[in-house]
Amino acid sequence: MRVDVRGDTKEALDAALKEFKRLVKKEGILQDLRKHEQYVKPSMKAKLKHIEAIKRHKREEREAHESKRTTKFD
């Protein structure tokens, strides 16, 4: 992952900083850095993945239920 941004004047520097932030976010550099901040055991990764799947399933059920309740009659 390499991000190159250049700017000469103050205005160009502001634009370059804005572009840098956008590129860093697009590349996922900060997200990757946070993911690697500490070691997570494989068993814990599996447990966290399972917990996230349960949360996602509950959210999808709730959203489906809410969409049924909010149907409009023409």
C-alpha atoms as a PDB file:
ATOM      1  CA  MET A   1       0.000   0.000   0.000  1.00  0.00           C
ATOM      2  CA  ARG A   2       1.545   3.223  -1.135  1.00  0.00           C
ATOM      3  CA  VAL A   3      -0.039   6.644  -1.144  1.00  0.00           C
ATOM      4  CA  ASP A   4       1.676   9.574  -2.914  1.00  0.00           C
ATOM      5  CA  VAL A   5       0.349  13.117  -2.586  1.00  0.00           C
ATOM      6  CA  ARG A   6       2.182  16.344  -3.477  1.00  0.00           C
ATOM      7  CA  GLY A   7       1.474  20.009  -2.854  1.00  0.00           C
ATOM      8  CA  ASP A   8       3.531  23.223  -3.150  1.00  0.00           C
ATOM      9  CA  THR A   9       1.378  26.094  -1.896  1.00  0.00           C
ATOM     10  CA  LYS A  10      -0.814  26.303   1.184  1.00  0.00           C
ATOM     11  CA  GLU A  11      -3.975  25.798  -0.886  1.00  0.00           C
ATOM     12  CA  ALA A  12      -2.374  22.882  -2.681  1.00  0.00           C
ATOM     13  CA  LEU A  13      -1.268  21.490   0.676  1.00  0.00           C
ATOM     14  CA  ASP A  14      -4.834  21.637   2.005  1.00  0.00           C
ATOM     15  CA  ALA A  15      -6.083  19.868  -1.111  1.00  0.00           C
ATOM     16  CA  ALA A  16      -3.268  17.340  -0.854  1.00  0.00           C
ATOM     17  CA  LEU A  17      -4.126  16.623   2.780  1.00  0.00           C
ATOM     18  CA  LYS A  18      -7.763  16.105   1.839  1.00  0.00           C
ATOM     19  CA  GLU A  19      -6.725  13.769  -0.981  1.00  0.00           C
ATOM     20  CA  PHE A  20      -4.352  11.906   1.354  1.00  0.00           C
ATOM     21  CA  LYS A  21      -7.120  11.293   3.888  1.00  0.00           C
ATOM     22  CA  ARG A  22      -9.417  10.050   1.121  1.00  0.00           C
ATOM     23  CA  LEU A  23      -6.770   7.705  -0.287  1.00  0.00           C
ATOM     24  CA  VAL A  24      -5.881   6.324   3.156  1.00  0.00           C
ATOM     25  CA  LYS A  25      -9.548   5.601   3.818  1.00  0.00           C
ATOM     26  CA  LYS A  26     -10.003   4.045   0.368  1.00  0.00           C
ATOM     27  CA  GLU A  27      -6.956   1.788   0.789  1.00  0.00           C
ATOM     28  CA  GLY A  28      -8.152   0.704   4.245  1.00  0.00           C
ATOM     29  CA  ILE A  29      -4.792   1.439   5.849  1.00  0.00           C
ATOM     30  CA  LEU A  30      -6.194   2.554   9.215  1.00  0.00           C
ATOM     31  CA  GLN A  31      -8.640  -0.333   9.339  1.00  0.00           C
ATOM     32  CA  ASP A  32      -5.788  -2.765   8.635  1.00  0.00           C
ATOM     33  CA  LEU A  33      -3.620  -1.100  11.278  1.00  0.00           C
ATOM     34  CA  ARG A  34      -6.334  -1.410  13.917  1.00  0.00           C
ATOM     35  CA  LYS A  35      -6.874  -5.034  12.976  1.00  0.00           C
ATOM     36  CA  HIS A  36      -3.192  -5.791  13.580  1.00  0.00           C
ATOM     37  CA  GLU A  37      -2.739  -3.749  16.777  1.00  0.00           C
ATOM     38  CA  GLN A  38      -2.926  -6.847  18.937  1.00  0.00           C
ATOM     39  CA  TYR A  39      -2.828 -10.590  18.429  1.00  0.00           C
ATOM     40  CA  VAL A  40      -6.133 -12.437  18.508  1.00  0.00           C
ATOM     41  CA  LYS A  41      -6.091 -16.195  18.984  1.00  0.00           C
ATOM     42  CA  PRO A  42      -7.748 -18.216  16.203  1.00  0.00           C
ATOM     43  CA  SER A  43     -10.333 -19.576  18.642  1.00  0.00           C
ATOM     44  CA  MET A  44     -11.246 -16.017  19.643  1.00  0.00           C
ATOM     45  CA  LYS A  45     -11.487 -14.989  15.969  1.00  0.00           C
ATOM     46  CA  ALA A  46     -13.965 -17.792  15.371  1.00  0.00           C
ATOM     47  CA  LYS A  47     -15.965 -16.783  18.444  1.00  0.00           C
ATOM     48  CA  LEU A  48     -16.081 -13.133  17.357  1.00  0.00           C
ATOM     49  CA  LYS A  49     -17.100 -14.156  13.843  1.00  0.00           C
ATOM     50  CA  HIS A  50     -19.934 -16.250  15.283  1.00  0.00           C
ATOM     51  CA  ILE A  51     -21.105 -13.369  17.505  1.00  0.00           C
ATOM     52  CA  GLU A  52     -21.080 -10.975  14.532  1.00  0.00           C
ATOM     53  CA  ALA A  53     -23.096 -13.462  12.462  1.00  0.00           C
ATOM     54  CA  ILE A  54     -25.720 -13.666  15.223  1.00  0.00           C
ATOM     55  CA  LYS A  55     -25.911  -9.859  15.430  1.00  0.00           C
ATOM     56  CA  ARG A  56     -26.231  -9.587  11.637  1.00  0.00           C
ATOM     57  CA  HIS A  57     -28.982 -12.231  11.568  1.00  0.00           C
ATOM     58  CA  LYS A  58     -30.954 -10.486  14.341  1.00  0.00           C
ATOM     59  CA  ARG A  59     -30.595  -7.118  12.587  1.00  0.00           C
ATOM     60  CA  GLU A  60     -31.803  -8.584   9.278  1.00  0.00           C
ATOM     61  CA  GLU A  61     -34.804 -10.179  11.024  1.00  0.00           C
ATOM     62  CA  ARG A  62     -35.645  -6.888  12.743  1.00  0.00           C
ATOM     63  CA  GLU A  63     -35.373  -4.928   9.487  1.00  0.00           C
ATOM     64  CA  ALA A  64     -37.536  -7.468   7.649  1.00  0.00           C
ATOM     65  CA  HIS A  65     -40.133  -7.291  10.408  1.00  0.00           C
ATOM     66  CA  GLU A  66     -40.114  -3.476  10.375  1.00  0.00           C
ATOM     67  CA  SER A  67     -40.476  -3.374   6.588  1.00  0.00           C
ATOM     68  CA  LYS A  68     -43.570  -5.592   6.850  1.00  0.00           C
ATOM     69  CA  ARG A  69     -45.121  -3.262   9.435  1.00  0.00           C
ATOM     70  CA  THR A  70     -44.485  -0.099   7.444  1.00  0.00           C
ATOM     71  CA  THR A  71     -46.036  -1.123   4.135  1.00  0.00           C
ATOM     72  CA  LYS A  72     -48.154   1.640   2.603  1.00  0.00           C
ATOM     73  CA  PHE A  73     -51.629   1.180   1.284  1.00  0.00           C
ATOM     74  CA  ASP A  74     -52.456   3.185  -1.825  1.00  0.00           C
END
